[in-house]
Amino acid sequence: KGLARNIDQARLNKVYYDYFFEGFMKNILTTVLPVLLMAAYINEAYNPDKLSKLFGRYYVFKIPGFGGDPTPVGALVWFVLLLIIVHVLWAVAMHVLKKKKDPKPVKIPKT
């Protein structure tokens, strides 16, 4: 009986491991890999040399710095910043819509 329980536990561990591994690989395939591929494309297609040829400057825009020297922002940094900003705005929008959809119940005073 103890041996059967160990075999069942081993099968259960394998099922949990396979389920975790499948979810992990699906997450990498659907979220991480497309972002990395897009970042690689942006890094190659909009490197400083190509930005200079296309727009006459090697950066997308400049951020004023503390020492008086502005910091140039390249295409890849801008992509990462926009990705973060869009995800934050999406989360805020979902939070606001959830609050509007499920209002707090109004307590009616007993008379």
C-alpha atoms as a PDB file:
ATOM      1  CA  LYS A   1       0.000   0.000   0.000  1.00  0.00           C
ATOM      2  CA  GLY A   2       2.866   2.403   0.809  1.00  0.00           C
ATOM      3  CA  LEU A   3       4.562   1.586  -2.495  1.00  0.00           C
ATOM      4  CA  ALA A   4       1.331   2.282  -4.389  1.00  0.00           C
ATOM      5  CA  ARG A   5       1.015   5.618  -2.609  1.00  0.00           C
ATOM      6  CA  ASN A   6       4.590   6.565  -3.600  1.00  0.00           C
ATOM      7  CA  ILE A   7       3.879   5.629  -7.225  1.00  0.00           C
ATOM      8  CA  ASP A   8       0.716   7.728  -7.175  1.00  0.00           C
ATOM      9  CA  GLN A   9       2.640  10.624  -5.630  1.00  0.00           C
ATOM     10  CA  ALA A  10       5.303  10.338  -8.332  1.00  0.00           C
ATOM     11  CA  ARG A  11       2.644  10.435 -11.055  1.00  0.00           C
ATOM     12  CA  LEU A  12       0.998  13.402  -9.381  1.00  0.00           C
ATOM     13  CA  ASN A  13       4.335  15.222  -9.172  1.00  0.00           C
ATOM     14  CA  LYS A  14       4.907  14.513 -12.872  1.00  0.00           C
ATOM     15  CA  VAL A  15       1.452  15.869 -13.742  1.00  0.00           C
ATOM     16  CA  TYR A  16       2.085  19.028 -11.701  1.00  0.00           C
ATOM     17  CA  TYR A  17       5.522  19.464 -13.283  1.00  0.00           C
ATOM     18  CA  ASP A  18       4.139  18.963 -16.803  1.00  0.00           C
ATOM     19  CA  TYR A  19       1.301  21.410 -16.098  1.00  0.00           C
ATOM     20  CA  PHE A  20       3.734  24.008 -14.732  1.00  0.00           C
ATOM     21  CA  PHE A  21       6.186  23.510 -17.602  1.00  0.00           C
ATOM     22  CA  GLU A  22       3.426  23.761 -20.210  1.00  0.00           C
ATOM     23  CA  GLY A  23       2.133  26.992 -18.669  1.00  0.00           C
ATOM     24  CA  PHE A  24       5.637  28.379 -18.382  1.00  0.00           C
ATOM     25  CA  MET A  25       6.424  27.628 -22.034  1.00  0.00           C
ATOM     26  CA  LYS A  26       3.070  29.035 -23.163  1.00  0.00           C
ATOM     27  CA  ASN A  27       3.786  32.231 -21.211  1.00  0.00           C
ATOM     28  CA  ILE A  28       7.211  32.569 -22.811  1.00  0.00           C
ATOM     29  CA  LEU A  29       5.793  31.877 -26.265  1.00  0.00           C
ATOM     30  CA  THR A  30       2.863  34.293 -26.017  1.00  0.00           C
ATOM     31  CA  THR A  31       4.263  37.203 -23.997  1.00  0.00           C
ATOM     32  CA  VAL A  32       8.026  37.233 -23.619  1.00  0.00           C
ATOM     33  CA  LEU A  33       9.131  36.008 -27.045  1.00  0.00           C
ATOM     34  CA  PRO A  34       7.086  38.542 -29.089  1.00  0.00           C
ATOM     35  CA  VAL A  35       8.418  41.410 -26.970  1.00  0.00           C
ATOM     36  CA  LEU A  36      11.998  40.208 -27.374  1.00  0.00           C
ATOM     37  CA  LEU A  37      11.543  39.735 -31.122  1.00  0.00           C
ATOM     38  CA  MET A  38      10.082  43.226 -31.490  1.00  0.00           C
ATOM     39  CA  ALA A  39      12.887  44.697 -29.393  1.00  0.00           C
ATOM     40  CA  ALA A  40      15.463  42.930 -31.561  1.00  0.00           C
ATOM     41  CA  TYR A  41      13.794  44.264 -34.705  1.00  0.00           C
ATOM     42  CA  ILE A  42      13.647  47.826 -33.361  1.00  0.00           C
ATOM     43  CA  ASN A  43      17.253  47.620 -32.233  1.00  0.00           C
ATOM     44  CA  GLU A  44      18.335  46.535 -35.715  1.00  0.00           C
ATOM     45  CA  ALA A  45      15.972  48.650 -37.831  1.00  0.00           C
ATOM     46  CA  TYR A  46      16.373  51.884 -35.856  1.00  0.00           C
ATOM     47  CA  ASN A  47      19.977  51.858 -34.709  1.00  0.00           C
ATOM     48  CA  PRO A  48      21.717  55.266 -34.448  1.00  0.00           C
ATOM     49  CA  ASP A  49      23.180  55.059 -37.974  1.00  0.00           C
ATOM     50  CA  LYS A  50      19.803  54.372 -39.574  1.00  0.00           C
ATOM     51  CA  LEU A  51      18.091  57.008 -37.427  1.00  0.00           C
ATOM     52  CA  SER A  52      20.675  59.524 -38.662  1.00  0.00           C
ATOM     53  CA  LYS A  53      19.939  58.608 -42.277  1.00  0.00           C
ATOM     54  CA  LEU A  54      16.160  58.656 -41.812  1.00  0.00           C
ATOM     55  CA  PHE A  55      15.640  61.654 -39.522  1.00  0.00           C
ATOM     56  CA  GLY A  56      18.945  63.517 -39.429  1.00  0.00           C
ATOM     57  CA  ARG A  57      19.648  62.719 -35.776  1.00  0.00           C
ATOM     58  CA  TYR A  58      20.799  59.576 -33.989  1.00  0.00           C
ATOM     59  CA  TYR A  59      18.143  59.645 -31.238  1.00  0.00           C
ATOM     60  CA  VAL A  60      14.357  59.764 -30.972  1.00  0.00           C
ATOM     61  CA  PHE A  61      14.292  62.676 -28.513  1.00  0.00           C
ATOM     62  CA  LYS A  62      16.342  64.155 -25.693  1.00  0.00           C
ATOM     63  CA  ILE A  63      15.512  64.319 -22.001  1.00  0.00           C
ATOM     64  CA  PRO A  64      16.893  67.323 -20.127  1.00  0.00           C
ATOM     65  CA  GLY A  65      19.583  66.146 -17.718  1.00  0.00           C
ATOM     66  CA  PHE A  66      20.559  67.337 -14.261  1.00  0.00           C
ATOM     67  CA  GLY A  67      24.027  68.495 -15.289  1.00  0.00           C
ATOM     68  CA  GLY A  68      22.689  70.624 -18.120  1.00  0.00           C
ATOM     69  CA  ASP A  69      23.549  68.055 -20.785  1.00  0.00           C
ATOM     70  CA  PRO A  70      20.442  66.486 -22.349  1.00  0.00           C
ATOM     71  CA  THR A  71      20.329  62.697 -22.511  1.00  0.00           C
ATOM     72  CA  PRO A  72      19.478  61.258 -25.948  1.00  0.00           C
ATOM     73  CA  VAL A  73      16.871  58.487 -25.937  1.00  0.00           C
ATOM     74  CA  GLY A  74      17.220  55.798 -28.590  1.00  0.00           C
ATOM     75  CA  ALA A  75      14.547  53.710 -30.255  1.00  0.00           C
ATOM     76  CA  LEU A  76      14.962  50.658 -28.016  1.00  0.00           C
ATOM     77  CA  VAL A  77      14.721  52.662 -24.788  1.00  0.00           C
ATOM     78  CA  TRP A  78      11.637  54.432 -26.151  1.00  0.00           C
ATOM     79  CA  PHE A  79      10.071  51.050 -27.017  1.00  0.00           C
ATOM     80  CA  VAL A  80      10.654  49.735 -23.492  1.00  0.00           C
ATOM     81  CA  LEU A  81       9.274  52.934 -21.921  1.00  0.00           C
ATOM     82  CA  LEU A  82       6.170  52.827 -24.107  1.00  0.00           C
ATOM     83  CA  LEU A  83       5.648  49.158 -23.321  1.00  0.00           C
ATOM     84  CA  ILE A  84       5.728  49.882 -19.590  1.00  0.00           C
ATOM     85  CA  ILE A  85       3.492  52.964 -19.928  1.00  0.00           C
ATOM     86  CA  VAL A  86       0.902  51.093 -22.006  1.00  0.00           C
ATOM     87  CA  HIS A  87       0.773  48.208 -19.519  1.00  0.00           C
ATOM     88  CA  VAL A  88       0.348  50.594 -16.580  1.00  0.00           C
ATOM     89  CA  LEU A  89      -2.401  52.538 -18.378  1.00  0.00           C
ATOM     90  CA  TRP A  90      -4.129  49.287 -19.312  1.00  0.00           C
ATOM     91  CA  ALA A  91      -4.093  48.119 -15.674  1.00  0.00           C
ATOM     92  CA  VAL A  92      -5.445  51.481 -14.480  1.00  0.00           C
ATOM     93  CA  ALA A  93      -8.209  51.407 -17.102  1.00  0.00           C
ATOM     94  CA  MET A  94      -9.220  47.879 -16.090  1.00  0.00           C
ATOM     95  CA  HIS A  95      -9.256  48.919 -12.426  1.00  0.00           C
ATOM     96  CA  VAL A  96     -11.453  51.950 -13.161  1.00  0.00           C
ATOM     97  CA  LEU A  97     -13.846  49.932 -15.319  1.00  0.00           C
ATOM     98  CA  LYS A  98     -14.100  47.272 -12.620  1.00  0.00           C
ATOM     99  CA  LYS A  99     -14.950  49.927 -10.015  1.00  0.00           C
ATOM    100  CA  LYS A 100     -17.655  51.405 -12.283  1.00  0.00           C
ATOM    101  CA  LYS A 101     -19.074  47.983 -13.097  1.00  0.00           C
ATOM    102  CA  ASP A 102     -19.335  46.779  -9.489  1.00  0.00           C
ATOM    103  CA  PRO A 103     -20.484  49.736  -7.379  1.00  0.00           C
ATOM    104  CA  LYS A 104     -20.643  49.360  -3.640  1.00  0.00           C
ATOM    105  CA  PRO A 105     -24.109  48.479  -2.388  1.00  0.00           C
ATOM    106  CA  VAL A 106     -26.023  51.345  -0.853  1.00  0.00           C
ATOM    107  CA  LYS A 107     -27.138  50.742   2.720  1.00  0.00           C
ATOM    108  CA  ILE A 108     -30.742  51.703   3.273  1.00  0.00           C
ATOM    109  CA  PRO A 109     -31.366  52.895   6.813  1.00  0.00           C
ATOM    110  CA  LYS A 110     -34.068  51.097   8.755  1.00  0.00           C
ATOM    111  CA  THR A 111     -37.054  53.220   9.632  1.00  0.00           C
END
